[in-house]
Protein backbone atom coordinates (compact mmCIF):
# COMPACT_ATOMS: atom_id res chain seq x y z
CA MET A 1 -20.17 -2.46 -19.10
CA VAL A 2 -20.18 -1.90 -22.85
CA GLN A 3 -22.61 -4.77 -23.44
CA ASN A 4 -24.82 -4.51 -20.35
CA GLY A 5 -24.67 -0.83 -19.42
CA PHE A 6 -23.43 1.17 -16.46
CA TYR A 7 -26.28 0.27 -14.10
CA ASN A 8 -25.63 -3.44 -14.50
CA PHE A 9 -21.92 -2.81 -14.01
CA LEU A 10 -22.59 -1.16 -10.64
CA ASN A 11 -24.75 -4.11 -9.57
CA TRP A 12 -22.54 -6.86 -11.00
CA PHE A 13 -21.92 -9.65 -8.50
CA ASP A 14 -19.02 -11.96 -9.29
CA GLU A 15 -19.45 -15.18 -7.37
CA ARG A 16 -16.00 -16.46 -8.41
CA ALA A 17 -14.02 -13.53 -7.01
CA TRP A 18 -13.15 -13.57 -3.32
CA TYR A 19 -14.36 -17.15 -3.15
CA PRO A 20 -16.48 -18.35 -1.29
CA LEU A 21 -18.06 -14.99 -0.44
CA GLY A 22 -18.20 -13.43 -3.89
CA ARG A 23 -17.75 -9.77 -4.70
CA ILE A 24 -19.97 -6.86 -5.74
CA VAL A 25 -17.66 -5.61 -8.46
CA GLY A 26 -19.29 -2.24 -9.09
CA GLY A 27 -18.97 -1.24 -5.47
CA THR A 28 -15.43 -2.45 -4.84
CA VAL A 29 -13.47 -1.12 -7.81
CA TYR A 30 -12.39 2.34 -8.88
CA PRO A 31 -14.74 2.85 -11.83
CA GLY A 32 -12.55 5.37 -13.64
CA LEU A 33 -10.64 2.72 -15.55
CA MET A 34 -13.77 0.99 -16.81
CA LEU A 35 -15.54 4.27 -17.54
CA THR A 36 -12.54 5.49 -19.52
CA SER A 37 -12.41 2.30 -21.58
CA GLY A 38 -16.16 2.36 -22.18
CA THR A 39 -16.13 6.05 -23.12
CA ILE A 40 -13.31 5.53 -25.62
CA HIS A 41 -15.23 2.58 -27.08
CA TYR A 42 -18.42 4.64 -27.43
CA ILE A 43 -16.56 7.59 -28.98
CA LEU A 44 -14.82 5.36 -31.52
CA ASP A 45 -18.16 3.71 -32.36
CA ALA A 46 -19.75 7.15 -32.82
CA PHE A 47 -17.05 7.99 -35.38
CA ASN A 48 -17.68 4.65 -37.12
CA MET A 49 -14.34 3.21 -36.03
CA PRO A 50 -15.35 -0.11 -34.49
CA LEU A 51 -12.71 -1.45 -32.16
CA HIS A 52 -13.21 -4.34 -29.80
CA ILE A 53 -13.27 -3.35 -26.13
CA ARG A 54 -10.51 -5.89 -25.44
CA ASP A 55 -8.16 -4.04 -27.80
CA ILE A 56 -8.95 -0.75 -26.09
CA CYS A 57 -8.21 -2.29 -22.69
CA VAL A 58 -4.90 -3.75 -23.90
CA PHE A 59 -3.58 -0.47 -25.31
CA LEU A 60 -5.09 1.90 -22.74
CA ALA A 61 -2.06 2.00 -20.40
CA PRO A 62 0.59 2.65 -23.11
CA ILE A 63 -1.51 5.42 -24.68
CA PHE A 64 -2.05 7.11 -21.35
CA SER A 65 1.62 6.74 -20.41
CA GLY A 66 2.52 8.68 -23.55
CA LEU A 67 -0.04 11.32 -22.61
CA THR A 68 1.52 11.41 -19.14
CA ALA A 69 4.89 12.36 -20.59
CA VAL A 70 3.26 15.15 -22.62
CA THR A 71 1.32 16.41 -19.58
CA THR A 72 4.47 16.29 -17.43
CA PHE A 73 6.23 18.42 -20.03
CA PHE A 74 3.48 21.05 -19.99
CA LEU A 75 3.28 21.08 -16.18
CA THR A 76 7.03 21.49 -15.74
CA ARG A 77 7.22 24.07 -18.53
CA GLU A 78 4.52 26.09 -16.79
CA LEU A 79 6.38 25.90 -13.47
CA TRP A 80 9.96 26.30 -14.71
CA THR A 81 11.32 26.28 -18.29
CA THR A 82 10.94 24.37 -21.53
CA GLY A 83 14.25 22.58 -20.98
CA ALA A 84 13.14 21.45 -17.54
CA GLY A 85 9.86 20.26 -19.08
CA LEU A 86 11.70 18.15 -21.63
CA LEU A 87 13.90 16.69 -18.92
CA ALA A 88 10.92 15.87 -16.67
CA ALA A 89 9.02 14.28 -19.55
CA SER A 90 12.01 12.15 -20.48
CA PHE A 91 12.49 11.09 -16.85
CA ILE A 92 8.90 9.95 -16.46
CA ALA A 93 9.10 8.20 -19.83
CA ILE A 94 12.03 6.04 -18.66
CA ALA A 95 11.05 5.55 -15.01
CA PRO A 96 11.12 1.77 -14.44
CA GLY A 97 8.29 1.84 -11.91
CA TYR A 98 6.03 3.65 -14.34
CA ILE A 99 7.04 1.51 -17.30
CA SER A 100 6.10 -1.62 -15.37
CA ARG A 101 2.62 -0.20 -14.76
CA SER A 102 2.00 1.00 -18.29
CA VAL A 103 2.91 -1.88 -20.58
CA ALA A 104 0.42 -3.17 -23.14
CA GLY A 105 -2.02 -5.54 -21.49
CA SER A 106 -1.62 -4.05 -18.01
CA TYR A 107 -5.20 -3.11 -17.21
CA ASP A 108 -4.81 -1.44 -13.83
CA ASN A 109 -5.73 1.96 -12.45
CA GLU A 110 -2.16 3.26 -12.38
CA GLY A 111 -2.17 3.31 -16.17
CA ILE A 112 -4.59 6.23 -16.19
CA ALA A 113 -4.29 7.48 -12.61
CA ILE A 114 -0.78 8.89 -13.00
CA PHE A 115 -1.88 10.70 -16.17
CA ALA A 116 -4.94 12.00 -14.34
CA LEU A 117 -2.77 13.16 -11.43
CA MET A 118 -0.40 15.08 -13.70
CA LEU A 119 -3.25 16.61 -15.69
CA THR A 120 -5.04 17.63 -12.49
CA PHE A 121 -1.93 19.37 -11.16
CA PHE A 122 -1.34 21.06 -14.52
CA LEU A 123 -4.92 22.36 -14.64
CA TRP A 124 -4.66 23.64 -11.07
CA VAL A 125 -1.44 25.47 -11.87
CA ILE A 126 -2.78 27.18 -14.98
CA ASN A 127 -6.00 27.99 -13.11
CA GLY A 128 -3.99 30.29 -10.87
CA GLY A 129 -6.52 30.50 -8.05
CA ALA A 130 -9.44 31.88 -10.05
CA THR A 131 -12.74 30.57 -8.69
CA CYS A 132 -15.22 31.41 -11.41
CA SER A 133 -13.45 30.72 -14.67
CA THR A 134 -13.79 27.97 -17.21
CA LYS A 135 -10.34 26.70 -16.21
CA TYR A 136 -11.57 26.35 -12.63
CA HIS A 137 -14.50 24.18 -13.67
CA VAL A 138 -12.37 22.10 -16.05
CA SER A 139 -9.83 21.48 -13.28
CA HIS A 140 -12.56 20.22 -10.96
CA ILE A 141 -14.00 17.96 -13.64
CA GLN A 142 -10.48 16.57 -14.12
CA TYR A 143 -10.19 16.16 -10.35
CA THR A 144 -13.36 14.06 -10.40
CA PHE A 145 -11.89 11.89 -13.18
CA PHE A 146 -8.75 11.49 -11.12
CA SER A 147 -10.80 10.56 -8.08
CA LEU A 148 -12.63 7.89 -10.02
CA ALA A 149 -9.37 6.50 -11.33
CA GLN A 150 -7.40 6.39 -8.09
CA SER A 151 -9.40 7.20 -4.98
CA GLU A 152 -6.67 6.30 -2.54
CA GLN A 153 -4.64 9.28 -3.74
CA VAL A 154 -7.46 11.82 -3.46
CA TRP A 155 -6.45 13.23 -0.11
CA LYS A 156 -2.96 14.15 -1.37
CA SER A 157 -4.29 16.11 -4.30
CA TRP A 158 -6.93 17.65 -2.07
CA LEU A 159 -4.18 18.98 0.19
CA VAL A 160 -2.53 20.58 -2.83
CA GLU A 161 -5.85 22.10 -3.88
CA LYS A 162 -6.40 23.52 -0.39
CA ALA A 163 -2.89 24.93 -0.37
CA LEU A 164 -3.56 26.68 -3.68
CA GLU A 165 -6.96 27.97 -2.51
CA ASN A 166 -5.43 29.16 0.76
CA ARG A 167 -4.05 32.31 -0.86
CA SER A 168 -6.48 34.67 0.82
CA GLY A 169 -5.74 35.34 4.46
CA SER A 170 -2.64 33.17 4.75
CA ARG A 171 0.64 32.33 3.09
CA LEU A 172 0.72 30.39 -0.17
CA GLY A 173 1.68 26.80 0.47
CA GLU A 174 0.28 26.69 3.99
CA PHE A 175 -1.56 23.43 4.56
CA PRO A 176 -5.17 23.38 5.73
CA SER A 177 -6.12 23.12 9.37
CA MET A 178 -7.40 19.93 10.99
CA MET A 179 -10.94 21.31 10.79
CA GLU A 180 -10.63 21.66 7.02
CA LEU A 181 -9.13 18.18 6.77
CA SER A 182 -12.21 16.74 8.42
CA ASP A 183 -14.32 17.47 5.34
CA CYS A 184 -11.82 15.87 2.95
CA PRO A 185 -13.76 14.46 -0.02
CA MET A 186 -12.85 10.80 0.49
CA TRP A 187 -16.28 9.77 -0.82
CA MET A 188 -15.21 10.35 -4.41
């Protein structure tokens, strides 16, 4: 993607994958991982810090796992106390399942998707239900990033969003009706 551009990435056909049929890579992957790597590469190039895209891909998961611990701290501190935030951050930092998905060289969506999930929840919590603030728009941009990184988890976060938006006319925490579930944004 860095060498050939985003359009060619979307139309990239890999004849060796899923042999003998081949695979349209751009249409069958979650593009958030590749977009994140490419964006970091372009930003570093803009600041005249050339770094090979391979190095960015190798260290992407450990960097984002550290950011996940920080985001978990802020989320838990917002919901409870600073001590609970430190405890939650230390628990996610030593969780074996998360460590196995965030080692150097592990280039998979979970490396950034768990960070994106935690950041999305944190932004929703600090948004507090406002619908026309900057925090509201930032939280939805983050939700889009999360969707690109891990689309199979979108419906869970969408349920949380609907529960938070459901403050008017019903109890907080009430889940959406089946009619509202029918327009779940699974296309993201």
